[in-house]
C-alpha atoms as a PDB file:
ATOM      1  CA  MET A   1     -82.783 -59.354 -34.233  1.00  0.00           C
ATOM      2  CA  ILE A   2     -80.937 -61.558 -32.296  1.00  0.00           C
ATOM      3  CA  ASP A   3     -81.000 -65.181 -33.486  1.00  0.00           C
ATOM      4  CA  LEU A   4     -79.232 -68.153 -31.515  1.00  0.00           C
ATOM      5  CA  THR A   5     -78.497 -72.240 -32.490  1.00  0.00           C
ATOM      6  CA  ILE A   6     -77.105 -74.517 -30.687  1.00  0.00           C
ATOM      7  CA  SER A   7     -75.471 -77.759 -32.661  1.00  0.00           C
ATOM      8  CA  ASP A   8     -72.482 -79.997 -31.474  1.00  0.00           C
ATOM      9  CA  ASP A   9     -71.967 -78.311 -28.627  1.00  0.00           C
ATOM     10  CA  VAL A  10     -71.191 -74.696 -30.308  1.00  0.00           C
ATOM     11  CA  ALA A  11     -73.729 -72.329 -29.731  1.00  0.00           C
ATOM     12  CA  THR A  12     -73.922 -69.408 -32.591  1.00  0.00           C
ATOM     13  CA  ILE A  13     -75.292 -66.262 -32.180  1.00  0.00           C
ATOM     14  CA  VAL A  14     -75.884 -63.711 -34.982  1.00  0.00           C
ATOM     15  CA  LEU A  15     -76.540 -59.924 -34.941  1.00  0.00           C
ATOM     16  CA  ASN A  16     -79.531 -59.746 -37.084  1.00  0.00           C
ATOM     17  CA  ALA A  17     -80.524 -56.368 -38.162  1.00  0.00           C
ATOM     18  CA  PRO A  18     -78.627 -55.798 -41.491  1.00  0.00           C
ATOM     19  CA  ALA A  19     -80.735 -53.138 -42.746  1.00  0.00           C
ATOM     20  CA  LYS A  20     -79.236 -50.849 -39.556  1.00  0.00           C
ATOM     21  CA  LEU A  21     -75.792 -52.675 -39.766  1.00  0.00           C
ATOM     22  CA  ASN A  22     -77.024 -54.551 -36.506  1.00  0.00           C
ATOM     23  CA  ALA A  23     -76.697 -51.256 -34.505  1.00  0.00           C
ATOM     24  CA  LEU A  24     -77.913 -52.125 -31.168  1.00  0.00           C
ATOM     25  CA  ASP A  25     -80.807 -50.273 -29.307  1.00  0.00           C
ATOM     26  CA  GLU A  26     -81.456 -51.096 -25.170  1.00  0.00           C
ATOM     27  CA  ALA A  27     -83.909 -53.959 -25.931  1.00  0.00           C
ATOM     28  CA  GLY A  28     -81.122 -55.618 -28.601  1.00  0.00           C
ATOM     29  CA  LEU A  29     -78.806 -55.535 -25.972  1.00  0.00           C
ATOM     30  CA  ASP A  30     -81.247 -57.633 -23.660  1.00  0.00           C
ATOM     31  CA  GLU A  31     -81.856 -59.726 -26.224  1.00  0.00           C
ATOM     32  CA  LEU A  32     -78.066 -60.383 -26.965  1.00  0.00           C
ATOM     33  CA  ASP A  33     -77.676 -61.144 -23.102  1.00  0.00           C
ATOM     34  CA  ALA A  34     -80.326 -63.350 -22.755  1.00  0.00           C
ATOM     35  CA  ALA A  35     -78.903 -65.397 -25.728  1.00  0.00           C
ATOM     36  CA  TYR A  36     -75.583 -66.127 -23.728  1.00  0.00           C
ATOM     37  CA  ASP A  37     -77.909 -67.016 -20.886  1.00  0.00           C
ATOM     38  CA  ALA A  38     -79.446 -69.697 -22.953  1.00  0.00           C
ATOM     39  CA  ALA A  39     -76.299 -70.745 -24.364  1.00  0.00           C
ATOM     40  CA  GLU A  40     -74.467 -71.161 -20.979  1.00  0.00           C
ATOM     41  CA  GLU A  41     -77.529 -72.691 -19.535  1.00  0.00           C
ATOM     42  CA  ALA A  42     -77.378 -75.114 -22.406  1.00  0.00           C
ATOM     43  CA  GLY A  43     -73.768 -76.206 -21.789  1.00  0.00           C
ATOM     44  CA  VAL A  44     -72.325 -75.561 -24.924  1.00  0.00           C
ATOM     45  CA  ARG A  45     -68.264 -75.906 -24.955  1.00  0.00           C
ATOM     46  CA  ALA A  46     -67.570 -72.779 -27.146  1.00  0.00           C
ATOM     47  CA  LEU A  47     -69.299 -69.979 -29.067  1.00  0.00           C
ATOM     48  CA  LEU A  48     -69.222 -68.086 -32.141  1.00  0.00           C
ATOM     49  CA  LEU A  49     -70.877 -64.330 -32.379  1.00  0.00           C
ATOM     50  CA  ARG A  50     -71.229 -63.224 -35.815  1.00  0.00           C
ATOM     51  CA  GLY A  51     -73.377 -60.116 -37.833  1.00  0.00           C
ATOM     52  CA  GLU A  52     -75.235 -60.582 -40.687  1.00  0.00           C
ATOM     53  CA  GLY A  53     -75.068 -58.460 -43.744  1.00  0.00           C
ATOM     54  CA  ARG A  54     -72.544 -56.032 -44.213  1.00  0.00           C
ATOM     55  CA  ALA A  55     -71.239 -55.308 -41.024  1.00  0.00           C
ATOM     56  CA  PHE A  56     -70.701 -56.897 -37.567  1.00  0.00           C
ATOM     57  CA  CYS A  57     -71.858 -54.080 -35.851  1.00  0.00           C
ATOM     58  CA  ALA A  58     -72.000 -50.165 -36.156  1.00  0.00           C
ATOM     59  CA  GLY A  59     -72.553 -49.491 -32.400  1.00  0.00           C
ATOM     60  CA  ARG A  60     -75.072 -48.225 -30.734  1.00  0.00           C
ATOM     61  CA  ASP A  61     -78.587 -47.549 -32.950  1.00  0.00           C
ATOM     62  CA  ILE A  62     -79.304 -43.967 -31.848  1.00  0.00           C
ATOM     63  CA  SER A  63     -81.992 -43.439 -34.767  1.00  0.00           C
ATOM     64  CA  SER A  64     -84.732 -42.707 -31.917  1.00  0.00           C
ATOM     65  CA  VAL A  65     -82.229 -41.212 -29.413  1.00  0.00           C
ATOM     66  CA  ASP A  66     -83.121 -37.408 -28.762  1.00  0.00           C
ATOM     67  CA  PRO A  67     -79.872 -36.064 -27.557  1.00  0.00           C
ATOM     68  CA  ARG A  68     -81.514 -33.507 -25.169  1.00  0.00           C
ATOM     69  CA  ASP A  69     -82.659 -36.587 -22.945  1.00  0.00           C
ATOM     70  CA  ASP A  70     -80.464 -38.808 -23.762  1.00  0.00           C
ATOM     71  CA  ASP A  71     -79.806 -41.195 -20.890  1.00  0.00           C
ATOM     72  CA  VAL A  72     -76.186 -42.119 -22.204  1.00  0.00           C
ATOM     73  CA  LEU A  73     -74.770 -43.369 -19.018  1.00  0.00           C
ATOM     74  CA  GLY A  74     -77.524 -45.684 -18.310  1.00  0.00           C
ATOM     75  CA  TYR A  75     -77.117 -47.306 -22.159  1.00  0.00           C
ATOM     76  CA  LEU A  76     -73.491 -47.618 -21.604  1.00  0.00           C
ATOM     77  CA  GLY A  77     -73.011 -48.366 -17.909  1.00  0.00           C
ATOM     78  CA  GLY A  78     -76.171 -49.850 -17.377  1.00  0.00           C
ATOM     79  CA  ALA A  79     -76.381 -52.074 -20.233  1.00  0.00           C
ATOM     80  CA  VAL A  80     -72.967 -52.355 -22.081  1.00  0.00           C
ATOM     81  CA  THR A  81     -70.636 -52.624 -19.868  1.00  0.00           C
ATOM     82  CA  PRO A  82     -72.341 -55.296 -18.179  1.00  0.00           C
ATOM     83  CA  LEU A  83     -73.021 -57.243 -21.073  1.00  0.00           C
ATOM     84  CA  MET A  84     -69.395 -57.215 -21.832  1.00  0.00           C
ATOM     85  CA  GLN A  85     -68.296 -58.620 -18.367  1.00  0.00           C
ATOM     86  CA  ARG A  86     -70.985 -61.228 -19.057  1.00  0.00           C
ATOM     87  CA  ILE A  87     -69.359 -62.281 -22.502  1.00  0.00           C
ATOM     88  CA  ALA A  88     -65.743 -62.029 -20.979  1.00  0.00           C
ATOM     89  CA  ARG A  89     -66.830 -64.312 -18.082  1.00  0.00           C
ATOM     90  CA  PHE A  90     -68.889 -66.742 -20.764  1.00  0.00           C
ATOM     91  CA  PRO A  91     -67.713 -70.393 -19.033  1.00  0.00           C
ATOM     92  CA  ALA A  92     -66.356 -71.627 -22.820  1.00  0.00           C
ATOM     93  CA  PRO A  93     -63.953 -70.429 -25.411  1.00  0.00           C
ATOM     94  CA  THR A  94     -65.695 -67.732 -27.363  1.00  0.00           C
ATOM     95  CA  PHE A  95     -65.228 -66.677 -31.010  1.00  0.00           C
ATOM     96  CA  ALA A  96     -66.258 -63.830 -33.011  1.00  0.00           C
ATOM     97  CA  VAL A  97     -65.979 -62.691 -36.795  1.00  0.00           C
ATOM     98  CA  ALA A  98     -65.259 -59.035 -37.380  1.00  0.00           C
ATOM     99  CA  HIS A  99     -66.686 -57.680 -40.786  1.00  0.00           C
ATOM    100  CA  GLY A 100     -67.975 -54.595 -42.020  1.00  0.00           C
ATOM    101  CA  ALA A 101     -68.190 -51.730 -39.933  1.00  0.00           C
ATOM    102  CA  CYS A 102     -66.946 -52.622 -35.862  1.00  0.00           C
ATOM    103  CA  LEU A 103     -67.343 -49.760 -34.139  1.00  0.00           C
ATOM    104  CA  GLY A 104     -68.277 -48.319 -30.664  1.00  0.00           C
ATOM    105  CA  VAL A 105     -70.617 -50.913 -29.062  1.00  0.00           C
ATOM    106  CA  GLY A 106     -69.699 -53.441 -31.864  1.00  0.00           C
ATOM    107  CA  LEU A 107     -65.954 -52.833 -30.848  1.00  0.00           C
ATOM    108  CA  GLY A 108     -66.544 -53.836 -27.246  1.00  0.00           C
ATOM    109  CA  LEU A 109     -68.276 -56.942 -27.942  1.00  0.00           C
ATOM    110  CA  LEU A 110     -65.221 -58.017 -29.882  1.00  0.00           C
ATOM    111  CA  ILE A 111     -62.843 -56.561 -26.811  1.00  0.00           C
ATOM    112  CA  ALA A 112     -65.033 -59.146 -24.698  1.00  0.00           C
ATOM    113  CA  THR A 113     -64.641 -62.148 -26.843  1.00  0.00           C
ATOM    114  CA  ASP A 114     -61.622 -64.632 -26.319  1.00  0.00           C
ATOM    115  CA  VAL A 115     -60.562 -64.910 -29.912  1.00  0.00           C
ATOM    116  CA  VAL A 116     -61.429 -62.533 -32.945  1.00  0.00           C
ATOM    117  CA  TYR A 117     -60.926 -63.026 -36.770  1.00  0.00           C
ATOM    118  CA  VAL A 118     -61.075 -60.258 -38.736  1.00  0.00           C
ATOM    119  CA  ALA A 119     -62.302 -59.958 -42.750  1.00  0.00           C
ATOM    120  CA  GLU A 120     -60.226 -57.850 -44.959  1.00  0.00           C
ATOM    121  CA  SER A 121     -63.322 -55.605 -44.905  1.00  0.00           C
ATOM    122  CA  ALA A 122     -63.502 -54.750 -41.430  1.00  0.00           C
ATOM    123  CA  LYS A 123     -63.338 -51.033 -40.627  1.00  0.00           C
ATOM    124  CA  ILE A 124     -62.305 -50.278 -37.155  1.00  0.00           C
ATOM    125  CA  GLY A 125     -61.559 -47.175 -35.454  1.00  0.00           C
ATOM    126  CA  SER A 126     -63.362 -43.987 -33.583  1.00  0.00           C
ATOM    127  CA  PRO A 127     -65.545 -41.950 -36.096  1.00  0.00           C
ATOM    128  CA  PHE A 128     -67.521 -40.254 -33.250  1.00  0.00           C
ATOM    129  CA  ALA A 129     -66.169 -37.172 -32.903  1.00  0.00           C
ATOM    130  CA  ALA A 130     -67.978 -36.430 -36.020  1.00  0.00           C
ATOM    131  CA  LEU A 131     -71.246 -36.774 -33.292  1.00  0.00           C
ATOM    132  CA  GLY A 132     -69.723 -34.596 -30.671  1.00  0.00           C
ATOM    133  CA  ALA A 133     -69.219 -38.134 -28.951  1.00  0.00           C
ATOM    134  CA  THR A 134     -66.054 -39.922 -27.835  1.00  0.00           C
ATOM    135  CA  LEU A 135     -65.096 -43.434 -28.200  1.00  0.00           C
ATOM    136  CA  ASP A 136     -66.551 -46.238 -25.372  1.00  0.00           C
ATOM    137  CA  SER A 137     -67.140 -49.668 -24.500  1.00  0.00           C
ATOM    138  CA  GLY A 138     -63.507 -50.449 -23.837  1.00  0.00           C
ATOM    139  CA  GLY A 139     -61.717 -48.771 -27.143  1.00  0.00           C
ATOM    140  CA  HIS A 140     -59.657 -46.432 -25.297  1.00  0.00           C
ATOM    141  CA  ALA A 141     -57.847 -49.111 -23.437  1.00  0.00           C
ATOM    142  CA  LEU A 142     -57.351 -51.763 -26.196  1.00  0.00           C
ATOM    143  CA  PHE A 143     -56.201 -48.932 -28.628  1.00  0.00           C
ATOM    144  CA  LEU A 144     -53.798 -47.424 -25.745  1.00  0.00           C
ATOM    145  CA  GLU A 145     -52.600 -50.811 -24.729  1.00  0.00           C
ATOM    146  CA  ARG A 146     -51.846 -51.881 -28.708  1.00  0.00           C
ATOM    147  CA  LEU A 147     -50.959 -48.876 -30.651  1.00  0.00           C
ATOM    148  CA  GLY A 148     -49.816 -46.199 -28.145  1.00  0.00           C
ATOM    149  CA  PRO A 149     -51.032 -42.720 -27.044  1.00  0.00           C
ATOM    150  CA  HIS A 150     -50.020 -41.116 -30.202  1.00  0.00           C
ATOM    151  CA  LYS A 151     -51.752 -43.508 -32.758  1.00  0.00           C
ATOM    152  CA  THR A 152     -54.672 -43.992 -30.730  1.00  0.00           C
ATOM    153  CA  LEU A 153     -55.377 -39.849 -30.473  1.00  0.00           C
ATOM    154  CA  ASP A 154     -54.731 -40.032 -34.101  1.00  0.00           C
ATOM    155  CA  LEU A 155     -57.356 -42.318 -34.952  1.00  0.00           C
ATOM    156  CA  ILE A 156     -59.660 -40.669 -32.255  1.00  0.00           C
ATOM    157  CA  TYR A 157     -59.084 -36.895 -33.940  1.00  0.00           C
ATOM    158  CA  THR A 158     -58.812 -37.834 -38.025  1.00  0.00           C
ATOM    159  CA  GLY A 159     -61.836 -40.247 -37.540  1.00  0.00           C
ATOM    160  CA  ARG A 160     -59.784 -42.502 -39.920  1.00  0.00           C
ATOM    161  CA  LEU A 161     -60.853 -46.174 -39.870  1.00  0.00           C
ATOM    162  CA  MET A 162     -58.036 -49.261 -39.628  1.00  0.00           C
ATOM    163  CA  THR A 163     -58.795 -52.068 -42.054  1.00  0.00           C
ATOM    164  CA  GLY A 164     -58.868 -55.876 -40.983  1.00  0.00           C
ATOM    165  CA  ALA A 165     -55.164 -56.035 -41.791  1.00  0.00           C
ATOM    166  CA  GLU A 166     -54.147 -52.802 -40.323  1.00  0.00           C
ATOM    167  CA  ALA A 167     -55.984 -54.006 -37.113  1.00  0.00           C
ATOM    168  CA  VAL A 168     -54.417 -57.139 -36.685  1.00  0.00           C
ATOM    169  CA  GLN A 169     -50.766 -56.103 -37.564  1.00  0.00           C
ATOM    170  CA  SER A 170     -51.408 -53.794 -34.665  1.00  0.00           C
ATOM    171  CA  GLY A 171     -52.034 -56.471 -32.569  1.00  0.00           C
ATOM    172  CA  LEU A 172     -55.791 -55.598 -31.994  1.00  0.00           C
ATOM    173  CA  PHE A 173     -57.044 -58.915 -32.653  1.00  0.00           C
ATOM    174  CA  SER A 174     -56.423 -62.853 -33.945  1.00  0.00           C
ATOM    175  CA  ARG A 175     -55.473 -63.004 -37.703  1.00  0.00           C
ATOM    176  CA  VAL A 176     -57.322 -61.461 -40.958  1.00  0.00           C
ATOM    177  CA  LEU A 177     -58.763 -63.377 -43.441  1.00  0.00           C
ATOM    178  CA  PRO A 178     -60.298 -63.264 -46.919  1.00  0.00           C
ATOM    179  CA  ASP A 179     -63.964 -61.907 -46.533  1.00  0.00           C
ATOM    180  CA  ASP A 180     -65.218 -64.952 -48.069  1.00  0.00           C
ATOM    181  CA  ASP A 181     -63.491 -67.431 -45.552  1.00  0.00           C
ATOM    182  CA  VAL A 182     -63.552 -65.421 -42.468  1.00  0.00           C
ATOM    183  CA  VAL A 183     -66.823 -67.105 -41.325  1.00  0.00           C
ATOM    184  CA  THR A 184     -66.162 -70.735 -42.209  1.00  0.00           C
ATOM    185  CA  THR A 185     -62.649 -70.473 -40.534  1.00  0.00           C
ATOM    186  CA  THR A 186     -63.986 -69.038 -37.467  1.00  0.00           C
ATOM    187  CA  ALA A 187     -66.659 -71.613 -37.020  1.00  0.00           C
ATOM    188  CA  ASP A 188     -64.377 -74.428 -37.982  1.00  0.00           C
ATOM    189  CA  ALA A 189     -62.185 -72.884 -34.519  1.00  0.00           C
ATOM    190  CA  ALA A 190     -65.197 -72.803 -32.853  1.00  0.00           C
ATOM    191  CA  ALA A 191     -66.063 -76.393 -33.347  1.00  0.00           C
ATOM    192  CA  ALA A 192     -62.483 -77.121 -32.892  1.00  0.00           C
ATOM    193  CA  ALA A 193     -62.382 -75.824 -29.573  1.00  0.00           C
ATOM    194  CA  ALA A 194     -65.785 -77.517 -28.497  1.00  0.00           C
ATOM    195  CA  ARG A 195     -63.903 -80.876 -28.881  1.00  0.00           C
ATOM    196  CA  GLY A 196     -60.984 -79.712 -26.829  1.00  0.00           C
ATOM    197  CA  ALA A 197     -59.883 -79.819 -23.482  1.00  0.00           C
ATOM    198  CA  THR A 198     -62.461 -77.462 -22.239  1.00  0.00           C
ATOM    199  CA  ALA A 199     -61.131 -77.198 -18.278  1.00  0.00           C
ATOM    200  CA  ALA A 200     -57.663 -76.553 -19.547  1.00  0.00           C
ATOM    201  CA  TYR A 201     -59.032 -73.500 -22.018  1.00  0.00           C
ATOM    202  CA  LEU A 202     -61.074 -72.044 -19.171  1.00  0.00           C
ATOM    203  CA  ALA A 203     -57.860 -72.015 -16.825  1.00  0.00           C
ATOM    204  CA  SER A 204     -55.746 -70.034 -19.383  1.00  0.00           C
ATOM    205  CA  LYS A 205     -58.839 -67.918 -19.886  1.00  0.00           C
ATOM    206  CA  GLU A 206     -58.834 -66.964 -16.094  1.00  0.00           C
ATOM    207  CA  LEU A 207     -55.230 -66.984 -15.989  1.00  0.00           C
ATOM    208  CA  VAL A 208     -54.908 -64.027 -18.809  1.00  0.00           C
ATOM    209  CA  SER A 209     -57.824 -61.978 -17.421  1.00  0.00           C
ATOM    210  CA  ARG A 210     -56.051 -61.993 -13.921  1.00  0.00           C
ATOM    211  CA  ILE A 211     -52.617 -61.298 -15.452  1.00  0.00           C
ATOM    212  CA  ARG A 212     -54.083 -58.651 -17.480  1.00  0.00           C
ATOM    213  CA  ASP A 213     -56.629 -56.863 -14.839  1.00  0.00           C
ATOM    214  CA  GLU A 214     -54.359 -57.267 -12.072  1.00  0.00           C
ATOM    215  CA  ARG A 215     -50.940 -56.450 -13.696  1.00  0.00           C
ATOM    216  CA  LEU A 216     -49.449 -59.514 -12.364  1.00  0.00           C
ATOM    217  CA  THR A 217     -45.275 -60.059 -12.204  1.00  0.00           C
ATOM    218  CA  LEU A 218     -43.924 -62.425 -14.066  1.00  0.00           C
ATOM    219  CA  TRP A 219     -43.382 -64.755 -10.812  1.00  0.00           C
ATOM    220  CA  GLU A 220     -47.525 -64.096  -9.591  1.00  0.00           C
ATOM    221  CA  SER A 221     -48.408 -65.275 -12.987  1.00  0.00           C
ATOM    222  CA  ILE A 222     -46.223 -68.339 -12.718  1.00  0.00           C
ATOM    223  CA  GLY A 223     -47.366 -69.531  -9.126  1.00  0.00           C
ATOM    224  CA  LEU A 224     -51.023 -68.966 -10.633  1.00  0.00           C
ATOM    225  CA  GLU A 225     -50.250 -71.180 -13.293  1.00  0.00           C
ATOM    226  CA  ASN A 226     -48.777 -73.679 -10.970  1.00  0.00           C
ATOM    227  CA  THR A 227     -52.044 -73.779  -8.909  1.00  0.00           C
ATOM    228  CA  ALA A 228     -54.195 -74.176 -12.072  1.00  0.00           C
ATOM    229  CA  GLN A 229     -52.143 -77.018 -13.267  1.00  0.00           C
ATOM    230  CA  ALA A 230     -52.378 -78.651 -10.236  1.00  0.00           C
ATOM    231  CA  ALA A 231     -56.392 -78.274 -10.382  1.00  0.00           C
ATOM    232  CA  LEU A 232     -56.235 -79.683 -13.720  1.00  0.00           C
ATOM    233  CA  CYS A 233     -54.728 -82.782 -12.555  1.00  0.00           C
ATOM    234  CA  ASP A 234     -58.314 -83.809 -11.305  1.00  0.00           C
ATOM    235  CA  THR A 235     -59.989 -83.577 -14.330  1.00  0.00           C
ATOM    236  CA  ASP A 236     -60.799 -86.766 -16.781  1.00  0.00           C
ATOM    237  CA  ASP A 237     -59.563 -84.630 -19.807  1.00  0.00           C
ATOM    238  CA  TYR A 238     -56.052 -84.040 -18.092  1.00  0.00           C
ATOM    239  CA  ARG A 239     -55.740 -87.802 -17.348  1.00  0.00           C
ATOM    240  CA  GLU A 240     -57.359 -88.478 -21.000  1.00  0.00           C
ATOM    241  CA  GLY A 241     -54.818 -86.481 -22.392  1.00  0.00           C
ATOM    242  CA  PHE A 242     -52.090 -88.025 -21.066  1.00  0.00           C
ATOM    243  CA  ALA A 243     -53.405 -91.553 -21.636  1.00  0.00           C
ATOM    244  CA  ALA A 244     -53.508 -90.520 -25.498  1.00  0.00           C
ATOM    245  CA  PHE A 245     -50.260 -89.361 -25.493  1.00  0.00           C
ATOM    246  CA  GLN A 246     -48.657 -92.287 -24.136  1.00  0.00           C
ATOM    247  CA  GLU A 247     -50.899 -94.804 -26.262  1.00  0.00           C
ATOM    248  CA  LYS A 248     -49.816 -92.629 -29.469  1.00  0.00           C
ATOM    249  CA  ARG A 249     -53.725 -91.704 -30.223  1.00  0.00           C
ATOM    250  CA  ARG A 250     -55.802 -89.052 -30.744  1.00  0.00           C
ATOM    251  CA  PRO A 251     -57.523 -87.748 -27.450  1.00  0.00           C
ATOM    252  CA  THR A 252     -61.316 -87.833 -26.420  1.00  0.00           C
ATOM    253  CA  PHE A 253     -61.731 -84.619 -24.388  1.00  0.00           C
ATOM    254  CA  LEU A 254     -65.276 -84.791 -22.497  1.00  0.00           C
ATOM    255  CA  GLY A 255     -65.138 -81.279 -21.181  1.00  0.00           C
ATOM    256  CA  HIS A 256     -64.512 -82.310 -17.749  1.00  0.00           C
END
């Protein structure tokens, strides 16, 4: 159910179980983790994640789950959270296409991805109270940070789903696009990133992560930026970028 292709330094991972809206059970999570491992081993310089069919990912596949003996902590804490951490640490820029249902674990996959482009048809929120369950996979943190407590609990209590436009206007993700354009536009962005200054991108990726997770001050953040910039001076891409600017030509970055 997980397809991986690699071309021109871009890995494309597709959730390919459209009949069940790409919902993921434990085996699907393991397969997805293996795809990220394979992409990293191939040394790609960008990665694109998307779903096949009418939805990105409707969350956990509960079709065969018996709630009386459900090991939900094993599923979430033992499989979903490590996978999200693995995605967030991927050593290249990552992009995702969000369309249709993006719920639960599906929302978590988007949260762990660097850049998310959202289709107008996307449905994002927390309908889980209807199951006697709650939002998981980082949804509370994302909604609270971007929407505040009142809107967060309004979405959770009512189960209302935001459209793609609402999600982007609320600051959840990067940009909203027409359904017919979102895959192509996101793939183009990933391809462009694969031709870019990979080390510089990864420096910014780490800076953003540390500033967020460690709640750093302005001056602490500036100190980290200074150190990162100094380290980039030793890269071939840094020297190529300066040479191209001085020679008034486009740079040719090799990713090192």
